[in-house]
Amino acid sequence: MISPESTLTPAVASARAGASRARRRKLARKLAPYAFIAPFFVLFAVFGLFPLLFSVWLSLHQWDAAEGLAAMHWVGLENYKYAITDPWFAKSLLTTLWFAAVSGVPQHLVALPLAFLIHMTLRRSRNFVVGAYFVPYVTSSVAIALIFTTLFSKDFGVINALLPGPPIDWLGDAFWARIAIAFVVFWRYLGWNVVLYLSALQVISGDLYEAATLDGASRWQQFRYVALPLLKPMMFFAITLTLIGNLQLFEEPFILIPPDSGVATSVMTTAMFMYRMAFSDGDFGTASAVSWVLFFIIAALTYGNARLFGKEGGGDVAR
């Protein structure tokens, strides 16, 4: 039997082959962008999406990781009920909120006028000063902890040597340990906020300051009535980042205060409580539930922050 293709003339066969190659090239051009971005989506699915969905699934189960996946038992919302009613969770949440307020609020109260001062007075050395303030943010948490452990030492610390009166047990007393950790968090993230506000200040037109100067406004009045209102979108963004970061506070108290210390429970944040629940008690299901409870708390406070700034703050950033 003779196939239909065998009866085609060479010109027709060549035309069909050319059309087929053109279709393949067109399909390749359409698929090329997806092939280039496919590695990102594969990595995101493996290291981002899967852990996220697994944590949701895990929060509804009781599981000991040492026994394998077959040991998972469905408990529904019991892990959430247990986490919410656990007095240690409530205590850790209050400690976290305390750190967020004591270390977070001063960051912005100092960073705002400091960024304005750098913007208005420093020209040539601005980049050097900003870099110096930004160094703590990019410094290793372990290095920071080692430095401040030495500075806050009761017997040989520089801070006690500079203060009058008897030495303070900074890392051995519950009250002073909180103060020390809050100061370290404040010191580390102050420069980050200065950089954020300084970047926003550089966008504001200098004509506004010149007009305010001609009207007799002082530097403080220029900051209060010119810069501050225009900084509201950046304030919303920076405060949101501080809120999210401080409610997930883990590194500083975990490294500065040893787990076997007598004040470890006094500085235990919710992230530390979640870590101990998972890796010390082996209760990964409840630890996952705690992480999602913390997520909803952060989401609620972030929404409240957006409402506090209103359309002028959060709305401008969204646009």
Protein backbone atom coordinates (compact mmCIF):
# COMPACT_ATOMS: atom_id res chain seq x y z
CA MET A 1 0.00 0.00 0.00
CA ILE A 2 1.35 3.39 -1.00
CA SER A 3 1.27 6.05 1.77
CA PRO A 4 -0.10 9.51 0.94
CA GLU A 5 3.28 11.05 1.87
CA SER A 6 5.06 9.06 -0.82
CA THR A 7 3.00 10.70 -3.55
CA LEU A 8 3.95 14.25 -2.52
CA THR A 9 6.29 16.22 -4.70
CA PRO A 10 9.64 17.25 -3.19
CA ALA A 11 8.52 20.90 -3.09
CA VAL A 12 5.37 20.09 -1.10
CA ALA A 13 7.28 17.80 1.27
CA SER A 14 9.90 20.48 1.83
CA ALA A 15 7.19 23.07 2.52
CA ARG A 16 5.53 20.82 5.06
CA ALA A 17 8.86 20.09 6.76
CA GLY A 18 9.59 23.81 6.91
CA ALA A 19 6.18 24.50 8.42
CA SER A 20 6.75 21.77 11.01
CA ARG A 21 10.13 23.28 11.98
CA ALA A 22 8.53 26.72 12.23
CA ARG A 23 5.86 25.36 14.57
CA ARG A 24 8.52 23.73 16.75
CA ARG A 25 10.54 26.95 16.89
CA LYS A 26 7.42 28.93 17.77
CA LEU A 27 6.57 26.43 20.52
CA ALA A 28 10.15 26.58 21.79
CA ARG A 29 9.99 30.39 21.94
CA LYS A 30 6.77 30.18 23.94
CA LEU A 31 8.17 27.61 26.36
CA ALA A 32 11.61 29.21 26.75
CA PRO A 33 10.57 31.80 29.40
CA TYR A 34 8.93 29.07 31.48
CA ALA A 35 12.04 26.92 31.18
CA PHE A 36 14.21 29.80 32.43
CA ILE A 37 12.02 30.49 35.48
CA ALA A 38 11.31 26.82 36.19
CA PRO A 39 14.33 26.42 38.57
CA PHE A 40 12.93 29.16 40.82
CA PHE A 41 9.52 27.53 41.03
CA VAL A 42 11.07 24.09 41.63
CA LEU A 43 13.22 25.46 44.47
CA PHE A 44 10.29 27.44 45.86
CA ALA A 45 8.04 24.38 45.77
CA VAL A 46 10.63 22.18 47.50
CA PHE A 47 11.99 24.61 50.09
CA GLY A 48 9.09 27.07 50.44
CA LEU A 49 5.68 25.78 49.54
CA PHE A 50 6.10 22.19 50.71
CA PRO A 51 7.40 23.10 54.22
CA LEU A 52 4.58 25.64 54.54
CA LEU A 53 1.86 23.14 53.63
CA PHE A 54 3.51 20.41 55.67
CA SER A 55 3.55 22.63 58.75
CA VAL A 56 -0.19 23.20 58.36
CA TRP A 57 -0.73 19.45 58.05
CA LEU A 58 1.63 18.77 60.94
CA SER A 59 -0.18 21.21 63.23
CA LEU A 60 -3.24 18.96 62.97
CA HIS A 61 -1.32 15.84 64.00
CA GLN A 62 0.58 14.50 66.95
CA TRP A 63 4.00 13.38 65.76
CA ASP A 64 7.32 12.26 67.15
CA ALA A 65 9.87 12.76 64.38
CA ALA A 66 12.05 9.93 65.70
CA GLU A 67 9.33 7.39 64.86
CA GLY A 68 8.88 8.43 61.22
CA LEU A 69 5.87 9.64 59.26
CA ALA A 70 3.92 6.48 60.08
CA ALA A 71 3.70 7.65 63.70
CA MET A 72 1.57 10.71 62.83
CA HIS A 73 -1.84 10.70 64.54
CA TRP A 74 -4.68 13.02 63.57
CA VAL A 75 -5.77 15.24 66.48
CA GLY A 76 -7.51 18.09 64.63
CA LEU A 77 -7.42 21.38 66.50
CA GLU A 78 -6.25 19.87 69.78
CA ASN A 79 -2.72 21.17 69.27
CA TYR A 80 -4.07 24.70 68.88
CA LYS A 81 -6.21 24.36 72.01
CA TYR A 82 -3.26 23.02 73.97
CA ALA A 83 -0.95 25.79 72.74
CA ILE A 84 -3.40 28.59 73.52
CA THR A 85 -4.20 27.28 77.00
CA ASP A 86 -0.58 26.55 77.91
CA PRO A 87 0.49 29.11 80.54
CA TRP A 88 4.05 29.05 79.20
CA PHE A 89 2.79 30.11 75.79
CA ALA A 90 0.97 33.06 77.33
CA LYS A 91 4.07 34.00 79.32
CA SER A 92 6.32 33.74 76.26
CA LEU A 93 3.89 35.86 74.24
CA LEU A 94 3.89 38.59 76.89
CA THR A 95 7.69 38.49 76.96
CA THR A 96 7.77 38.79 73.17
CA LEU A 97 5.42 41.78 73.22
CA TRP A 98 7.55 43.37 75.94
CA PHE A 99 10.68 43.04 73.81
CA ALA A 100 8.79 44.33 70.77
CA ALA A 101 7.74 47.46 72.64
CA VAL A 102 10.90 48.18 74.64
CA SER A 103 13.35 47.54 71.81
CA GLY A 104 11.14 48.44 68.83
CA VAL A 105 9.66 51.81 69.79
CA PRO A 106 13.01 53.46 70.66
CA GLN A 107 14.44 52.28 67.34
CA HIS A 108 12.09 54.57 65.42
CA LEU A 109 12.11 57.41 67.96
CA VAL A 110 15.89 57.60 67.54
CA ALA A 111 16.19 56.58 63.87
CA LEU A 112 13.78 59.24 62.55
CA PRO A 113 15.53 62.38 63.89
CA LEU A 114 18.95 60.78 63.40
CA ALA A 115 18.27 60.10 59.73
CA PHE A 116 17.00 63.68 59.31
CA LEU A 117 20.12 65.04 61.02
CA ILE A 118 22.41 63.01 58.76
CA HIS A 119 20.44 64.06 55.70
CA MET A 120 20.54 67.76 56.51
CA THR A 121 24.06 68.16 57.90
CA LEU A 122 26.27 65.51 56.31
CA ARG A 123 27.07 65.56 52.63
CA ARG A 124 30.49 64.11 51.84
CA SER A 125 30.72 61.71 54.79
CA ARG A 126 27.09 60.56 54.63
CA ASN A 127 27.86 57.20 53.05
CA PHE A 128 30.54 56.44 55.64
CA VAL A 129 28.24 57.28 58.54
CA VAL A 130 25.37 55.27 57.10
CA GLY A 131 27.70 52.32 56.51
CA ALA A 132 28.90 52.51 60.10
CA TYR A 133 25.31 52.45 61.38
CA PHE A 134 24.47 49.56 59.04
CA VAL A 135 27.35 47.31 60.18
CA PRO A 136 25.53 45.85 63.23
CA TYR A 137 22.67 44.71 60.99
CA VAL A 138 24.94 42.57 58.80
CA THR A 139 27.15 41.33 61.65
CA SER A 140 26.85 37.71 62.71
CA SER A 141 24.51 37.13 65.64
CA VAL A 142 27.07 34.84 67.28
CA ALA A 143 29.75 37.55 67.09
CA ILE A 144 27.33 40.10 68.56
CA ALA A 145 26.42 37.73 71.37
CA LEU A 146 30.06 37.05 72.23
CA ILE A 147 30.87 40.77 72.30
CA PHE A 148 27.93 41.72 74.48
CA THR A 149 28.40 38.72 76.76
CA THR A 150 31.83 40.16 77.51
CA LEU A 151 30.54 43.72 77.86
CA PHE A 152 27.72 42.65 80.20
CA SER A 153 29.93 40.41 82.34
CA LYS A 154 29.23 40.94 86.02
CA ASP A 155 32.82 40.84 87.24
CA PHE A 156 34.92 41.87 84.25
CA GLY A 157 32.48 43.69 81.95
CA VAL A 158 33.22 47.15 80.63
CA ILE A 159 29.70 48.37 81.34
CA ASN A 160 29.90 47.58 85.06
CA ALA A 161 33.35 49.15 85.15
CA LEU A 162 31.90 52.42 83.84
CA LEU A 163 28.88 52.45 86.15
CA PRO A 164 29.09 53.60 89.75
CA GLY A 165 27.91 51.41 92.57
CA PRO A 166 27.91 47.63 92.94
CA PRO A 167 28.21 45.52 89.77
CA ILE A 168 24.97 44.54 88.06
CA ASP A 169 24.38 40.92 87.13
CA TRP A 170 23.17 41.78 83.63
CA LEU A 171 22.77 38.24 82.35
CA GLY A 172 22.00 36.54 85.66
CA ASP A 173 19.08 38.64 86.90
CA ALA A 174 15.70 38.34 85.17
CA PHE A 175 14.99 42.10 85.05
CA TRP A 176 18.44 43.17 83.90
CA ALA A 177 18.66 40.30 81.39
CA ARG A 178 15.57 41.66 79.66
CA ILE A 179 17.05 45.15 79.60
CA ALA A 180 20.33 43.84 78.17
CA ILE A 181 18.61 41.85 75.41
CA ALA A 182 16.34 44.77 74.51
CA PHE A 183 19.38 47.03 74.24
CA VAL A 184 21.19 44.56 71.96
CA VAL A 185 18.14 44.32 69.67
CA PHE A 186 17.83 48.13 69.65
CA TRP A 187 21.52 48.56 68.85
CA ARG A 188 21.50 45.97 66.09
CA TYR A 189 18.48 47.24 64.14
CA LEU A 190 18.79 50.99 64.69
CA GLY A 191 21.07 51.37 61.66
CA TRP A 192 18.67 49.44 59.44
CA ASN A 193 15.88 51.89 60.24
CA VAL A 194 18.19 54.85 59.76
CA VAL A 195 18.99 53.61 56.26
CA LEU A 196 15.28 53.16 55.47
CA TYR A 197 14.35 56.66 56.63
CA LEU A 198 17.37 58.23 54.99
CA SER A 199 16.43 56.67 51.65
CA ALA A 200 12.95 58.16 51.97
CA LEU A 201 14.30 61.57 52.97
CA GLN A 202 16.44 61.74 49.84
CA VAL A 203 13.30 61.51 47.70
CA ILE A 204 11.75 64.62 49.28
CA SER A 205 12.34 67.70 47.16
CA GLY A 206 14.78 70.20 48.60
CA ASP A 207 12.51 73.03 47.43
CA LEU A 208 10.17 72.23 50.31
CA TYR A 209 12.94 72.79 52.84
CA GLU A 210 13.99 76.01 51.12
CA ALA A 211 10.42 77.30 51.19
CA ALA A 212 10.15 76.41 54.87
CA THR A 213 13.44 78.19 55.57
CA LEU A 214 12.20 81.34 53.81
CA ASP A 215 9.10 81.21 55.99
CA GLY A 216 11.33 81.21 59.07
CA ALA A 217 10.95 77.54 60.01
CA SER A 218 13.65 76.07 62.22
CA ARG A 219 15.24 72.68 61.65
CA TRP A 220 12.87 71.10 64.15
CA GLN A 221 9.87 72.68 62.46
CA GLN A 222 11.09 71.48 59.08
CA PHE A 223 11.36 67.98 60.50
CA ARG A 224 7.97 68.18 62.22
CA TYR A 225 5.88 69.81 59.49
CA VAL A 226 7.71 68.95 56.26
CA ALA A 227 9.65 65.69 56.58
CA LEU A 228 7.54 63.77 59.07
CA PRO A 229 4.22 63.89 57.16
CA LEU A 230 5.96 62.83 53.95
CA LEU A 231 7.70 59.95 55.73
CA LYS A 232 4.47 58.22 56.74
CA PRO A 233 4.59 55.58 53.96
CA MET A 234 8.15 54.66 54.94
CA MET A 235 7.22 54.75 58.63
CA PHE A 236 4.46 52.25 57.94
CA PHE A 237 6.89 50.00 56.09
CA ALA A 238 9.66 50.25 58.70
CA ILE A 239 7.35 49.74 61.68
CA THR A 240 5.79 46.74 59.96
CA LEU A 241 9.23 45.18 59.50
CA THR A 242 10.10 45.90 63.14
CA LEU A 243 6.82 44.39 64.27
CA ILE A 244 7.35 41.22 62.28
CA GLY A 245 10.99 40.89 63.29
CA ASN A 246 10.51 41.51 67.01
CA LEU A 247 7.58 39.13 67.30
CA GLN A 248 9.85 36.44 65.85
CA LEU A 249 12.74 37.35 68.17
CA PHE A 250 14.92 34.31 68.76
CA GLU A 251 18.65 34.75 68.17
CA GLU A 252 19.59 37.37 70.76
CA PRO A 253 17.97 35.82 73.89
CA PHE A 254 18.83 32.30 72.74
CA ILE A 255 22.55 33.05 72.38
CA LEU A 256 23.02 35.56 75.20
CA ILE A 257 21.23 33.52 77.87
CA PRO A 258 22.24 29.83 78.25
CA PRO A 259 19.29 27.37 78.26
CA ASP A 260 20.30 26.05 81.69
CA SER A 261 20.44 29.55 83.16
CA GLY A 262 18.06 30.43 85.96
CA VAL A 263 16.67 33.36 83.98
CA ALA A 264 16.19 31.49 80.69
CA THR A 265 12.44 31.19 81.22
CA SER A 266 12.17 34.91 81.99
CA VAL A 267 13.47 35.88 78.55
CA MET A 268 11.82 33.05 76.63
CA THR A 269 10.06 34.45 73.57
CA THR A 270 7.35 32.68 71.61
CA ALA A 271 9.87 31.60 68.96
CA MET A 272 12.05 30.09 71.70
CA PHE A 273 9.01 28.38 73.22
CA MET A 274 8.21 26.91 69.81
CA TYR A 275 11.82 25.74 69.38
CA ARG A 276 11.89 24.04 72.78
CA MET A 277 8.50 22.46 72.18
CA ALA A 278 9.81 20.88 68.98
CA PHE A 279 13.44 20.00 69.66
CA SER A 280 13.47 19.56 73.45
CA ASP A 281 10.03 18.02 74.03
CA GLY A 282 9.73 16.39 70.61
CA ASP A 283 6.19 17.72 70.13
CA PHE A 284 6.40 18.92 66.55
CA GLY A 285 2.63 19.08 66.11
CA THR A 286 2.11 21.59 68.92
CA ALA A 287 5.20 23.54 67.80
CA SER A 288 3.67 23.88 64.32
CA ALA A 289 0.41 25.01 65.87
CA VAL A 290 2.29 27.64 67.91
CA SER A 291 3.96 28.91 64.74
CA TRP A 292 0.59 29.41 63.05
CA VAL A 293 -0.90 31.08 66.10
CA LEU A 294 2.07 33.45 66.06
CA PHE A 295 1.51 34.03 62.35
CA PHE A 296 -2.10 35.09 62.93
CA ILE A 297 -1.05 37.37 65.79
CA ILE A 298 1.55 39.05 63.53
CA ALA A 299 -1.02 39.36 60.74
CA ALA A 300 -3.55 40.96 63.12
CA LEU A 301 -1.01 43.45 64.50
CA THR A 302 0.20 44.28 60.99
CA TYR A 303 -3.38 44.94 59.94
CA GLY A 304 -3.82 47.14 63.01
CA ASN A 305 -0.67 49.02 62.06
CA ALA A 306 -2.07 49.61 58.57
CA ARG A 307 -5.34 50.87 60.04
CA LEU A 308 -3.41 53.13 62.40
CA PHE A 309 -1.59 54.80 59.54
CA GLY A 310 -4.72 54.81 57.40
CA LYS A 311 -4.77 55.47 53.69
CA GLU A 312 -2.03 58.06 53.93
CA GLY A 313 0.40 55.51 55.29
CA GLY A 314 -0.42 51.95 54.34
CA GLY A 315 -2.47 52.85 51.28
CA ASP A 316 0.37 54.80 49.67
CA VAL A 317 2.75 51.93 50.21
CA ALA A 318 0.27 49.49 48.71
CA ARG A 319 -0.06 51.62 45.60
